[in-house]
Every structure is written in C-alpha cells, then in structure tokens.
Amino acid sequence: MTTVPDAVPAPGAAPSGSGVPIFPAGPAATPEPEPESGPEPAGGDPATAGGDPATAEPILPEPVRQRVIALAAACLPGLSVEEQPAPLRRVARFAPNRRARLGGTLIAAQLAGDALFRSRLATRVLADAGELGTAILAGAAPGAADPVEVAALAYLGRPPGWLALIASAGEVVRADADHAARTVRHRDLEARLVRAEHDRAVARVEADKLRDELARLRDESGTLREENRTLTRALREAQAGQRRATELLATERGRLTRTAADHEAELRRLRGRLAEAQASAGANRAAAKEARQVDDARLWLLLETIGQSAAGLRRELALEPASVLPADAVAAQHADRPGTPAAAPARALEADDPARLDQLLALPRAHLIVDGYNVTKTGYADNSLEQQRGRLVGALGGLAAQCGAEVTVVFDGAERVVGLPPAPRGVRVLFSRQGQTADELIRRLVRAEPAGRPVVVISSDREVADGVRRHGAYPLGSGTLVRRLARV
C-alpha cells in the first residue's frame, strides 16, 4: 500500500513528513476527535497541529476519490512545468477527457505522496470553487452543497475538521447509495409484483384452459379406450385368423412341396426313360443305318459279282457266236466225219496248283483272305517275324496289282508290332484283338461277305478250311500262295 504524508498544510504552509495510505476503497475511516483547545487556523492539519504524526489517511468513498482525481486532472495543466511532478508532466499533455481516465492512478499516487503538489492543487481548486472553497477552508460546509464535492475539496485543502467532512460525506454517499439500492430494490419488487400479478392472471387463464382441455381429453380418453377395446378384440380375432391361415398355408406348402417333389421325381424318371429311349432310338438308327449300309454293300457286291461272273463265265467258256447248228451237234455226237482227228482230252488242275488260284482270283470281285503267320511260317520260316510280315505284305501288294482282287491279310494280335510300315495299295492288313485269334477273325470276314461272291481263303489249317468251306469260300493251302508269290 502506498504511503503519503499524514497531513497537507494549507496553502503556503510547510508539508508534514509522516506517510499514510492513499485512497483505499471501502468504508470511510472514523474521523479523529478535534482538539478541545479551540478551532485550528485555516489550512491547519490535525497531525501537524498536535495530533499523532502516524495517523493514516481516511478511506475515501469511490465517488469522492473519482471527484478528487477529476479536480486534480483539471487543474494539472494550470501548473507550471517546474510545479508539475516529473511523473505527471506527460499526463498533463493528455486531452482533458483522457487525462483522468488514463492518468488517474499516477495522479492519485502523486497526491498521496507529494504534500507540496497537493497543496498547490488545493490552492487552485479552492480558488476555482469560489464561496464553497472559502467555506471549506473555514471548516464549515453549506447544507445545500454536494457532499461529494465538499469531501473532495476538504481532502485537498485539509481545513480544520476535514476528516469529519469526509466522514459525513461518506455517510451521505453511503446513505444515497443505500437509498438508491433500496429504490432499485423497491422498483424491482414492484416490477416483480406486477409480473407476478400478470403471471397469476395468465396462470388462471391457462389453468381454466387446461381444465377445459383436461375435460376434453378425458372425454377423448374414454372414447379412445372404448375404441382401443374394440380394436383389441378385432386384433385378437385377426391374429387368430392369421394363425389359422398360417397353419393352413404351412399345410398347403407341405403338400405342395411333397407334390412338387413327387412331380420332380416323376419328371426325372421320365427324363431318364426319354434319354434311354432317345439313346436306344439313336442306337437303333445307327444299327439300322449300318445294317442297311452292309446290306447295300452286300447287294451291290452280289450284283456286281453276278454281272462280272456272267462275263467271266463267258470268257472262261469261250462262248462264240452260234456257229454250230443242232444238226451239227447230233452229227458230232453220233457220227464221224471223214478226216476229222479225235480231240485230245482236257487236263485237270491239282488242288494246290497256282493256276487254280489264278482262276479263282480272275473271278469278278474276288476277295483273297490270307492267314498271315500260317503262310510266312510255310514260306519264310527262316526270317524274323517282322521280316516275314514285311515280305508277305509286299508280295501281296504285287499280286493285288496284277489281278485287281481285294486282298486281306490277317495276323494274330499278340505279335503286333508298333510302327508297322503302311500297307501297299489294294492290301488290307488286320491284327486280331486281344482274346481273339486270327482264325476267328478270318471266319468273321468270310461270314460278312454276301452269298455268291468268290472268297478265297489261304490257310493250311484244316479247321479253318472246313469252317470257311461251309460258308461258300474256296480254301487253298499256304504252299499254293507261296508258289504263286514266287512268280510276282
């Protein structure tokens, strides 16, 4: 807290040297009792006139403090530069409306700490106050004067009894503040009372409205309760109907599911039968087509064989145009002509004569079927199987080229060699399948040929020869073919 000299002498008096706090906020301090020896001279100070030098300055009310700073700020420019304290010289150059607001703290501190500065200001302020300043210096304040103004002038001039003036001003300020506060509170209470009365009237109106609304709502509630009971009954009935419908729907769904499953099973069965029928029909069509093709081939071969057989028979019989008359035939059989030598008898061919094989192959559409290994073991036994096959197939190619007959050579499949060179033109090379012999394959080939087609089978196997003979083929031994191939 800032300390200042205890008392400020009147204008022209010497300042006191004791320090006290300045302008503390709060209630005013109780003034010191005046000495009973009589009134002090004007400009005197209780501390310098015989009081305690350590007496603290009174606590000024805020309005008094603000008025003191305003009076000091107004008179500060009137002092010369030498009279102005160094901290306040810059403040003195401020504008009047900014001086008290911006420099108030410095001014208050300087007033509290510099008695000479305060005395100089007091002289000017009291002079400007006129009669009020004169009355304050005399220690008596007019009754009609503003207490704040009186207290501010008393603080600056420090006349006799200035503390009492400040204290009475503080009481007046506090009384005014209390009166203003009470007035404000009274007005606030009146406003609150008016608002309360208004709110009460509004509340009455609202209460009446609410009572009417409550009665209406009670009526509606009763109606709604009745409707709710009706809707509840309808809902229960609807739920019961829904449950029954759900049960029926589940039953129907189960029945439909079973029916659909049965239909699906029947459909699958029918589809299977249809697939089987289609497969059977396809197989039948394929078999019929194949059989028709085989029959057509057999018929064509038969017709071709008959035609070529007739031509061959004509060639073999060497029939010439009819130059012999029946009478000539009778004459030839039953009479001799003079000078006609007797005809030489014809030579018969042996069964293994190669010329017989040539005669058979000369027949139209003749088919030569050869038991391969039976022939090779007869004619080429010294060679390996691969060489035997190659030699036989090559020789048969030359024979087919000479006579133009169809040639088929059959080997046992167990001896089949992968990578066999291609067969010559006109020669068919076959191997029997696993579990089947070449003899069986030869018999199948003979049975496949149409009746009447000349088929020649080369094999020295008696069983093979007897079998193919029963089906109209001509069996010949393997040596016959070996001797015939030797001429190729």
Protein backbone atom coordinates (compact mmCIF):
# COMPACT_ATOMS: atom_id res chain seq x y z
CA MET A 1 0.00 0.00 0.00
CA THR A 2 1.35 3.46 -0.96
CA THR A 3 2.18 5.81 1.94
CA VAL A 4 1.80 9.62 1.92
CA PRO A 5 2.48 12.33 4.46
CA ASP A 6 -0.03 12.38 7.23
CA ALA A 7 -1.28 15.94 6.70
CA VAL A 8 -1.30 18.53 3.98
CA PRO A 9 -0.84 22.10 5.19
CA ALA A 10 -2.99 24.85 3.98
CA PRO A 11 -1.76 26.91 1.04
CA GLY A 12 1.54 28.44 1.98
CA ALA A 13 2.13 26.08 4.94
CA ALA A 14 5.01 23.55 5.11
CA PRO A 15 4.12 19.87 4.37
CA SER A 16 4.21 17.24 7.00
CA GLY A 17 6.73 14.36 6.70
CA SER A 18 4.69 11.39 8.02
CA GLY A 19 3.42 8.76 5.40
CA VAL A 20 -0.10 7.15 5.30
CA PRO A 21 -2.02 5.05 2.72
CA ILE A 22 -3.92 6.86 -0.07
CA PHE A 23 -7.46 6.30 -1.35
CA PRO A 24 -8.11 2.76 -0.16
CA ALA A 25 -11.51 1.51 -1.30
CA GLY A 26 -14.06 0.72 1.35
CA PRO A 27 -15.96 2.49 4.10
CA ALA A 28 -14.66 5.81 5.36
CA ALA A 29 -12.45 5.78 8.47
CA THR A 30 -13.76 7.23 11.66
CA PRO A 31 -12.55 10.86 11.89
CA GLU A 32 -10.22 11.79 14.71
CA PRO A 33 -11.70 13.94 17.51
CA GLU A 34 -10.89 17.59 17.20
CA PRO A 35 -8.82 19.17 19.97
CA GLU A 36 -10.83 20.93 22.63
CA SER A 37 -8.49 23.93 22.80
CA GLY A 38 -10.32 25.71 20.04
CA PRO A 39 -10.55 25.82 16.29
CA GLU A 40 -7.40 25.39 14.30
CA PRO A 41 -6.25 28.06 11.95
CA ALA A 42 -7.25 27.76 8.29
CA GLY A 43 -5.07 25.39 6.37
CA GLY A 44 -4.06 23.53 9.52
CA ASP A 45 -3.76 19.71 9.83
CA PRO A 46 -4.57 17.66 12.89
CA ALA A 47 -1.36 15.77 12.60
CA THR A 48 0.74 18.94 12.44
CA ALA A 49 -1.32 20.78 14.99
CA GLY A 50 -0.52 18.47 17.82
CA GLY A 51 -2.09 15.12 16.63
CA ASP A 52 -0.34 11.78 16.09
CA PRO A 53 2.03 12.02 13.12
CA ALA A 54 1.37 8.32 12.24
CA THR A 55 -2.39 8.85 11.77
CA ALA A 56 -3.48 7.19 8.49
CA GLU A 57 -5.44 8.96 5.84
CA PRO A 58 -9.13 8.12 5.70
CA ILE A 59 -10.53 5.63 3.21
CA LEU A 60 -12.31 7.74 0.61
CA PRO A 61 -15.60 6.60 -0.88
CA GLU A 62 -15.29 5.81 -4.56
CA PRO A 63 -17.31 8.88 -5.71
CA VAL A 64 -15.11 11.15 -3.57
CA ARG A 65 -11.95 9.52 -4.91
CA GLN A 66 -13.09 9.90 -8.53
CA ARG A 67 -14.00 13.59 -7.87
CA VAL A 68 -10.57 14.27 -6.31
CA ILE A 69 -8.82 12.78 -9.36
CA ALA A 70 -11.10 14.78 -11.72
CA LEU A 71 -10.36 18.09 -9.89
CA ALA A 72 -6.62 17.36 -9.89
CA ALA A 73 -6.62 16.40 -13.59
CA ALA A 74 -8.50 19.59 -14.49
CA CYS A 75 -6.03 21.85 -12.64
CA LEU A 76 -2.85 19.95 -13.58
CA PRO A 77 -2.22 21.85 -16.87
CA GLY A 78 -2.52 25.17 -14.95
CA LEU A 79 0.67 24.44 -13.02
CA SER A 80 3.96 25.42 -14.49
CA VAL A 81 6.39 22.74 -15.64
CA GLU A 82 8.52 23.30 -12.55
CA GLU A 83 5.46 22.90 -10.29
CA GLN A 84 4.34 19.67 -12.06
CA PRO A 85 5.90 16.48 -10.68
CA ALA A 86 8.05 14.62 -13.20
CA PRO A 87 5.71 11.55 -13.40
CA LEU A 88 2.73 13.83 -14.23
CA ARG A 89 4.30 16.08 -16.89
CA ARG A 90 3.41 13.61 -19.63
CA VAL A 91 -0.11 13.18 -18.16
CA ALA A 92 -0.60 16.99 -18.21
CA ARG A 93 -0.30 16.88 -22.02
CA PHE A 94 -3.19 14.43 -22.38
CA ALA A 95 -6.59 15.58 -23.63
CA PRO A 96 -8.99 16.61 -20.86
CA ASN A 97 -11.31 13.65 -21.44
CA ARG A 98 -8.37 11.17 -21.31
CA ARG A 99 -6.32 12.72 -18.52
CA ALA A 100 -8.38 11.48 -15.58
CA ARG A 101 -9.11 8.11 -17.25
CA LEU A 102 -5.55 7.25 -18.30
CA GLY A 103 -3.52 9.11 -15.66
CA GLY A 104 -5.83 8.66 -12.67
CA THR A 105 -3.57 6.12 -10.94
CA LEU A 106 -0.46 8.34 -11.27
CA ILE A 107 -2.40 11.42 -10.10
CA ALA A 108 -3.77 9.60 -7.03
CA ALA A 109 -0.33 8.26 -6.12
CA GLN A 110 1.23 11.69 -6.51
CA LEU A 111 -1.49 13.35 -4.36
CA ALA A 112 -0.91 10.78 -1.63
CA GLY A 113 2.88 11.01 -1.69
CA ASP A 114 3.59 14.67 -2.54
CA ALA A 115 2.12 17.15 0.00
CA LEU A 116 3.55 20.19 -1.84
CA PHE A 117 1.89 19.11 -5.10
CA ARG A 118 -1.36 18.53 -3.23
CA SER A 119 -1.10 21.99 -1.59
CA ARG A 120 -0.53 23.68 -4.98
CA LEU A 121 -3.51 21.90 -6.46
CA ALA A 122 -5.65 22.70 -3.40
CA THR A 123 -4.90 26.41 -3.75
CA ARG A 124 -6.12 26.41 -7.37
CA VAL A 125 -9.07 24.10 -6.78
CA LEU A 126 -10.36 26.04 -3.77
CA ALA A 127 -9.90 29.31 -5.62
CA ASP A 128 -11.92 27.96 -8.53
CA ALA A 129 -14.64 26.73 -6.11
CA GLY A 130 -15.35 30.32 -5.01
CA GLU A 131 -17.60 30.64 -1.93
CA LEU A 132 -17.76 26.89 -1.43
CA GLY A 133 -13.94 26.78 -1.29
CA THR A 134 -13.88 29.66 1.18
CA ALA A 135 -16.48 27.92 3.37
CA ILE A 136 -14.49 24.68 3.25
CA LEU A 137 -11.29 26.46 4.32
CA ALA A 138 -13.28 27.94 7.20
CA GLY A 139 -14.20 24.40 8.30
CA ALA A 140 -17.93 24.77 7.64
CA ALA A 141 -19.74 23.20 4.73
CA PRO A 142 -23.03 24.73 3.44
CA GLY A 143 -26.01 22.45 3.96
CA ALA A 144 -27.09 22.63 0.32
CA ALA A 145 -23.62 21.77 -1.05
CA ASP A 146 -22.91 18.43 -2.70
CA PRO A 147 -21.34 16.17 -0.05
CA VAL A 148 -19.03 14.54 -2.62
CA GLU A 149 -17.78 17.95 -3.73
CA VAL A 150 -17.34 19.05 -0.10
CA ALA A 151 -15.39 15.88 0.75
CA ALA A 152 -13.12 16.25 -2.31
CA LEU A 153 -12.34 19.89 -1.54
CA ALA A 154 -11.81 19.03 2.15
CA TYR A 155 -9.36 16.27 1.22
CA LEU A 156 -7.33 18.60 -0.97
CA GLY A 157 -7.45 21.72 1.30
CA ARG A 158 -7.20 19.85 4.62
CA PRO A 159 -9.05 22.56 6.68
CA PRO A 160 -9.75 22.01 10.36
CA GLY A 161 -12.20 19.14 10.75
CA TRP A 162 -11.62 17.87 7.18
CA LEU A 163 -11.79 14.30 8.38
CA ALA A 164 -15.26 14.89 9.78
CA LEU A 165 -16.32 16.46 6.48
CA ILE A 166 -15.02 13.43 4.60
CA ALA A 167 -16.72 11.09 7.07
CA SER A 168 -20.05 12.90 6.81
CA ALA A 169 -19.73 12.91 3.03
CA GLY A 170 -19.04 9.19 3.14
CA GLU A 171 -22.15 8.69 5.28
CA VAL A 172 -24.20 10.74 2.86
CA VAL A 173 -22.77 8.83 -0.11
CA ARG A 174 -23.46 5.54 1.60
CA ALA A 175 -26.95 6.75 2.54
CA ASP A 176 -27.56 7.82 -1.04
CA ALA A 177 -26.21 4.51 -2.28
CA ASP A 178 -28.41 2.64 0.19
CA HIS A 179 -31.38 4.79 -0.79
CA ALA A 180 -30.65 4.19 -4.47
CA ALA A 181 -30.24 0.48 -3.80
CA ARG A 182 -33.47 0.45 -1.82
CA THR A 183 -35.17 2.40 -4.56
CA VAL A 184 -33.88 -0.06 -7.13
CA ARG A 185 -34.95 -2.97 -4.98
CA HIS A 186 -38.34 -1.35 -4.41
CA ARG A 187 -38.78 -0.79 -8.13
CA ASP A 188 -37.60 -4.33 -8.78
CA LEU A 189 -40.05 -5.67 -6.22
CA GLU A 190 -42.85 -3.58 -7.72
CA ALA A 191 -41.94 -4.85 -11.20
CA ARG A 192 -41.75 -8.41 -9.90
CA LEU A 193 -45.09 -7.90 -8.15
CA VAL A 194 -46.65 -6.62 -11.36
CA ARG A 195 -45.14 -9.52 -13.26
CA ALA A 196 -46.35 -11.91 -10.57
CA GLU A 197 -49.87 -10.48 -10.80
CA HIS A 198 -49.70 -10.74 -14.57
CA ASP A 199 -48.33 -14.26 -14.36
CA ARG A 200 -51.03 -15.11 -11.84
CA ALA A 201 -53.76 -13.83 -14.16
CA VAL A 202 -52.17 -15.67 -17.08
CA ALA A 203 -51.88 -18.77 -14.90
CA ARG A 204 -55.57 -18.51 -14.03
CA VAL A 205 -56.46 -18.26 -17.70
CA GLU A 206 -54.10 -21.11 -18.54
CA ALA A 207 -55.50 -23.16 -15.66
CA ASP A 208 -59.01 -22.63 -16.98
CA LYS A 209 -57.86 -23.63 -20.45
CA LEU A 210 -56.08 -26.63 -19.03
CA ARG A 211 -59.16 -27.67 -17.07
CA ASP A 212 -61.26 -27.43 -20.22
CA GLU A 213 -58.57 -29.28 -22.16
CA LEU A 214 -58.38 -31.89 -19.41
CA ALA A 215 -62.12 -32.42 -19.54
CA ARG A 216 -61.97 -32.72 -23.33
CA LEU A 217 -59.04 -35.10 -23.09
CA ARG A 218 -60.91 -37.19 -20.53
CA ASP A 219 -63.82 -37.48 -22.92
CA GLU A 220 -61.47 -38.35 -25.75
CA SER A 221 -59.63 -40.78 -23.49
CA GLY A 222 -62.89 -42.58 -22.72
CA THR A 223 -63.72 -42.71 -26.42
CA LEU A 224 -60.21 -43.91 -27.23
CA ARG A 225 -60.38 -46.56 -24.50
CA GLU A 226 -63.59 -47.88 -25.98
CA GLU A 227 -62.10 -47.79 -29.47
CA ASN A 228 -58.97 -49.47 -28.10
CA ARG A 229 -61.06 -52.28 -26.58
CA THR A 230 -62.90 -52.70 -29.88
CA LEU A 231 -59.65 -52.67 -31.86
CA THR A 232 -58.05 -55.07 -29.40
CA ARG A 233 -60.89 -57.55 -29.89
CA ALA A 234 -60.64 -57.10 -33.66
CA LEU A 235 -56.86 -57.52 -33.46
CA ARG A 236 -57.19 -60.73 -31.46
CA GLU A 237 -59.68 -62.10 -33.95
CA ALA A 238 -57.41 -61.06 -36.84
CA GLN A 239 -54.41 -62.67 -35.13
CA ALA A 240 -56.39 -65.88 -34.56
CA GLY A 241 -57.46 -65.83 -38.22
CA GLN A 242 -53.89 -65.16 -39.25
CA ARG A 243 -52.68 -68.10 -37.17
CA ARG A 244 -55.27 -70.36 -38.77
CA ALA A 245 -54.33 -69.05 -42.21
CA THR A 246 -50.64 -69.57 -41.41
CA GLU A 247 -51.31 -73.14 -40.34
CA LEU A 248 -53.33 -73.78 -43.48
CA LEU A 249 -50.63 -72.13 -45.56
CA ALA A 250 -47.96 -74.30 -43.92
CA THR A 251 -50.08 -77.40 -44.57
CA GLU A 252 -50.62 -76.41 -48.19
CA ARG A 253 -46.94 -75.58 -48.58
CA GLY A 254 -46.01 -79.02 -47.23
CA ARG A 255 -48.49 -80.69 -49.55
CA LEU A 256 -47.27 -78.63 -52.48
CA THR A 257 -43.68 -79.41 -51.55
CA ARG A 258 -44.41 -83.13 -51.45
CA THR A 259 -46.34 -82.89 -54.73
CA ALA A 260 -43.52 -80.91 -56.31
CA ALA A 261 -41.00 -83.49 -55.05
CA ASP A 262 -43.14 -86.32 -56.46
CA HIS A 263 -43.52 -84.46 -59.75
CA GLU A 264 -39.80 -83.77 -59.83
CA ALA A 265 -39.02 -87.44 -59.19
CA GLU A 266 -41.52 -88.48 -61.87
CA LEU A 267 -40.06 -85.89 -64.22
CA ARG A 268 -36.55 -87.19 -63.57
CA ARG A 269 -37.77 -90.76 -64.17
CA LEU A 270 -39.50 -89.73 -67.40
CA ARG A 271 -36.44 -87.78 -68.47
CA GLY A 272 -34.32 -90.85 -67.80
CA ARG A 273 -36.69 -93.01 -69.80
CA LEU A 274 -36.73 -90.40 -72.54
CA ALA A 275 -32.94 -90.30 -72.56
CA GLU A 276 -32.86 -94.10 -72.67
CA ALA A 277 -35.44 -94.11 -75.46
CA GLN A 278 -33.51 -91.47 -77.36
CA ALA A 279 -30.27 -93.38 -76.86
CA SER A 280 -31.98 -96.61 -77.91
CA ALA A 281 -33.54 -94.91 -80.92
CA GLY A 282 -30.18 -93.44 -81.84
CA ALA A 283 -28.53 -96.81 -81.43
CA ASN A 284 -31.30 -98.44 -83.45
CA ARG A 285 -30.99 -95.81 -86.16
CA ALA A 286 -27.23 -96.25 -86.19
CA ALA A 287 -27.59 -100.05 -86.24
CA ALA A 288 -30.25 -99.86 -88.95
CA LYS A 289 -28.11 -97.47 -90.94
CA GLU A 290 -25.09 -99.69 -90.52
CA ALA A 291 -27.13 -102.82 -91.37
CA ARG A 292 -28.61 -101.02 -94.39
CA GLN A 293 -25.17 -99.96 -95.45
CA VAL A 294 -23.90 -103.54 -95.03
CA ASP A 295 -26.93 -104.91 -96.90
CA ASP A 296 -26.46 -102.33 -99.64
CA ALA A 297 -22.81 -103.26 -99.88
CA ARG A 298 -23.63 -106.96 -99.91
CA LEU A 299 -26.31 -106.43 -102.58
CA TRP A 300 -24.06 -104.25 -104.67
CA LEU A 301 -21.25 -106.78 -104.39
CA LEU A 302 -23.68 -109.59 -105.26
CA LEU A 303 -25.00 -107.78 -108.31
CA GLU A 304 -21.51 -106.79 -109.33
CA THR A 305 -20.37 -110.39 -108.77
CA ILE A 306 -23.28 -111.81 -110.81
CA GLY A 307 -22.62 -109.43 -113.67
CA GLN A 308 -18.91 -109.98 -113.69
CA SER A 309 -19.42 -113.74 -113.12
CA ALA A 310 -21.55 -113.92 -116.25
CA ALA A 311 -18.87 -112.08 -118.18
CA GLY A 312 -16.18 -114.26 -116.64
CA LEU A 313 -18.15 -117.38 -117.37
CA ARG A 314 -18.49 -116.29 -120.96
CA ARG A 315 -14.75 -115.72 -121.13
CA GLU A 316 -13.97 -118.97 -119.30
CA LEU A 317 -16.30 -121.00 -121.53
CA ALA A 318 -15.03 -119.18 -124.58
CA LEU A 319 -18.51 -119.00 -126.00
CA GLU A 320 -18.53 -117.81 -129.54
CA PRO A 321 -21.49 -116.79 -131.63
CA ALA A 322 -23.69 -119.77 -132.55
CA SER A 323 -21.88 -121.34 -135.48
CA VAL A 324 -22.90 -124.91 -134.71
CA LEU A 325 -26.40 -125.94 -135.57
CA PRO A 326 -28.27 -128.64 -133.69
CA ALA A 327 -27.80 -131.00 -136.55
CA ASP A 328 -24.08 -130.40 -136.33
CA ALA A 329 -24.20 -131.28 -132.64
CA VAL A 330 -26.06 -134.50 -133.37
CA ALA A 331 -23.61 -135.32 -136.06
CA ALA A 332 -20.73 -134.67 -133.84
CA GLN A 333 -22.09 -136.92 -131.11
CA HIS A 334 -23.40 -139.78 -133.11
CA ALA A 335 -21.41 -139.73 -136.33
CA ASP A 336 -17.89 -139.35 -137.54
CA ARG A 337 -16.80 -137.07 -140.27
CA PRO A 338 -14.21 -138.21 -142.62
CA GLY A 339 -10.74 -136.90 -141.97
CA THR A 340 -11.58 -135.44 -138.52
CA PRO A 341 -8.95 -136.35 -135.93
CA ALA A 342 -10.04 -137.28 -132.43
CA ALA A 343 -9.99 -134.41 -129.81
CA ALA A 344 -7.39 -134.54 -127.07
CA PRO A 345 -8.80 -134.83 -123.54
CA ALA A 346 -8.59 -131.68 -121.23
CA ARG A 347 -6.02 -131.65 -118.41
CA ALA A 348 -7.41 -131.40 -114.81
CA LEU A 349 -5.84 -128.93 -112.38
CA GLU A 350 -4.48 -130.09 -109.00
CA ALA A 351 -5.82 -128.62 -105.75
CA ASP A 352 -2.53 -126.85 -104.84
CA ASP A 353 -1.79 -125.69 -108.38
CA PRO A 354 -1.10 -121.89 -108.52
CA ALA A 355 -3.05 -121.84 -111.78
CA ARG A 356 -6.19 -122.70 -109.80
CA LEU A 357 -5.52 -119.69 -107.57
CA ASP A 358 -5.19 -117.51 -110.68
CA GLN A 359 -8.50 -118.85 -111.98
CA LEU A 360 -10.26 -118.06 -108.71
CA LEU A 361 -8.74 -114.56 -108.49
CA ALA A 362 -9.79 -113.95 -112.08
CA LEU A 363 -13.42 -114.28 -110.99
CA PRO A 364 -15.21 -110.91 -110.78
CA ARG A 365 -14.98 -109.12 -107.36
CA ALA A 366 -12.90 -111.94 -105.88
CA HIS A 367 -11.72 -111.47 -102.27
CA LEU A 368 -8.42 -113.11 -101.16
CA ILE A 369 -8.14 -113.63 -97.33
CA VAL A 370 -4.69 -114.80 -96.16
CA ASP A 371 -3.80 -116.39 -92.79
CA GLY A 372 -0.58 -114.36 -92.41
CA TYR A 373 1.59 -116.29 -90.00
CA ASN A 374 0.38 -119.65 -91.45
CA VAL A 375 1.78 -118.58 -94.87
CA THR A 376 5.00 -116.94 -93.56
CA LYS A 377 5.91 -119.96 -91.44
CA THR A 378 5.40 -122.11 -94.51
CA GLY A 379 7.43 -119.99 -96.95
CA TYR A 380 9.68 -117.70 -94.83
CA ALA A 381 10.27 -119.60 -91.60
CA ASP A 382 13.98 -118.69 -91.52
CA ASN A 383 13.26 -114.94 -91.23
CA SER A 384 12.20 -112.99 -88.18
CA LEU A 385 8.51 -112.23 -87.63
CA GLU A 386 8.97 -108.62 -88.70
CA GLN A 387 10.76 -109.69 -91.88
CA GLN A 388 8.13 -112.37 -92.53
CA ARG A 389 5.32 -109.79 -92.25
CA GLY A 390 7.10 -107.27 -94.46
CA ARG A 391 7.94 -109.84 -97.14
CA LEU A 392 4.41 -111.26 -97.25
CA VAL A 393 2.66 -107.87 -97.32
CA GLY A 394 4.97 -106.62 -100.07
CA ALA A 395 4.39 -109.73 -102.22
CA LEU A 396 0.61 -109.46 -101.73
CA GLY A 397 0.79 -105.85 -102.92
CA GLY A 398 2.29 -107.03 -106.21
CA LEU A 399 -0.34 -109.79 -106.55
CA ALA A 400 -3.18 -107.28 -105.95
CA ALA A 401 -1.72 -105.03 -108.63
CA GLN A 402 -1.67 -107.91 -111.10
CA CYS A 403 -5.11 -109.43 -110.59
CA GLY A 404 -7.06 -106.45 -109.20
CA ALA A 405 -8.68 -108.59 -106.48
CA GLU A 406 -9.40 -107.43 -102.92
CA VAL A 407 -6.64 -108.77 -100.61
CA THR A 408 -6.87 -109.01 -96.79
CA VAL A 409 -4.04 -110.47 -94.66
CA VAL A 410 -4.72 -111.34 -91.01
CA PHE A 411 -2.09 -111.67 -88.22
CA ASP A 412 -2.50 -112.67 -84.59
CA GLY A 413 -2.73 -109.51 -82.48
CA ALA A 414 -0.43 -110.89 -79.77
CA GLU A 415 2.52 -110.44 -82.12
CA ARG A 416 1.55 -106.93 -83.28
CA VAL A 417 4.47 -104.54 -83.58
CA VAL A 418 4.00 -100.77 -83.17
CA GLY A 419 5.30 -98.72 -86.08
CA LEU A 420 4.44 -101.17 -88.90
CA PRO A 421 5.04 -99.51 -92.29
CA PRO A 422 1.94 -98.60 -94.32
CA ALA A 423 0.31 -101.39 -96.36
CA PRO A 424 0.62 -101.37 -100.19
CA ARG A 425 -2.28 -100.22 -102.35
CA GLY A 426 -5.04 -102.80 -102.54
CA VAL A 427 -3.87 -104.77 -99.45
CA ARG A 428 -5.71 -104.62 -96.10
CA VAL A 429 -3.57 -105.62 -93.05
CA LEU A 430 -5.51 -106.68 -89.95
CA PHE A 431 -4.49 -107.84 -86.44
CA SER A 432 -6.81 -109.81 -84.22
CA ARG A 433 -7.86 -108.15 -80.96
CA GLN A 434 -6.80 -109.33 -77.51
CA GLY A 435 -8.52 -112.60 -76.61
CA GLN A 436 -9.26 -113.38 -80.30
CA THR A 437 -7.25 -115.45 -82.82
CA ALA A 438 -6.61 -114.81 -86.49
CA ASP A 439 -8.69 -117.93 -87.34
CA GLU A 440 -11.79 -116.44 -85.69
CA LEU A 441 -11.25 -113.11 -87.45
CA ILE A 442 -10.93 -114.97 -90.82
CA ARG A 443 -14.23 -116.80 -90.24
CA ARG A 444 -15.92 -113.47 -89.36
CA LEU A 445 -14.62 -111.93 -92.59
CA VAL A 446 -15.99 -114.86 -94.61
CA ARG A 447 -19.41 -114.71 -92.90
CA ALA A 448 -19.60 -110.98 -93.62
CA GLU A 449 -19.38 -111.49 -97.37
CA PRO A 450 -22.61 -111.89 -99.39
CA ALA A 451 -23.54 -115.31 -100.73
CA GLY A 452 -22.28 -115.80 -104.28
CA ARG A 453 -19.19 -113.57 -104.01
CA PRO A 454 -16.00 -115.56 -104.72
CA VAL A 455 -13.92 -115.61 -101.50
CA VAL A 456 -10.56 -117.43 -101.48
CA VAL A 457 -9.01 -118.31 -98.07
CA ILE A 458 -5.29 -119.22 -97.89
CA SER A 459 -4.57 -121.39 -94.82
CA SER A 460 -3.14 -124.85 -94.20
CA ASP A 461 -5.21 -125.15 -91.01
CA ARG A 462 -7.81 -127.90 -91.61
CA GLU A 463 -10.25 -126.38 -89.10
CA VAL A 464 -10.08 -123.03 -90.86
CA ALA A 465 -10.55 -124.65 -94.26
CA ASP A 466 -13.56 -126.67 -93.15
CA GLY A 467 -15.14 -123.66 -91.48
CA VAL A 468 -14.86 -121.31 -94.44
CA ARG A 469 -15.95 -124.01 -96.90
CA ARG A 470 -19.30 -124.29 -95.11
CA HIS A 471 -19.85 -120.57 -95.84
CA GLY A 472 -19.12 -120.91 -99.59
CA ALA A 473 -15.45 -119.87 -99.62
CA TYR A 474 -12.66 -121.57 -101.57
CA PRO A 475 -9.91 -122.81 -99.18
CA LEU A 476 -6.37 -123.28 -100.55
CA GLY A 477 -3.15 -124.33 -98.86
CA SER A 478 -0.41 -121.92 -97.87
CA GLY A 479 2.05 -123.55 -100.31
CA THR A 480 -0.19 -122.61 -103.26
CA LEU A 481 0.12 -118.89 -102.39
CA VAL A 482 3.87 -119.21 -101.69
CA ARG A 483 4.49 -120.72 -105.14
CA ARG A 484 2.21 -118.09 -106.75
CA LEU A 485 4.02 -115.24 -104.99
CA ALA A 486 7.31 -116.60 -106.18
CA ARG A 487 6.30 -115.55 -109.71
CA VAL A 488 5.43 -111.98 -108.71
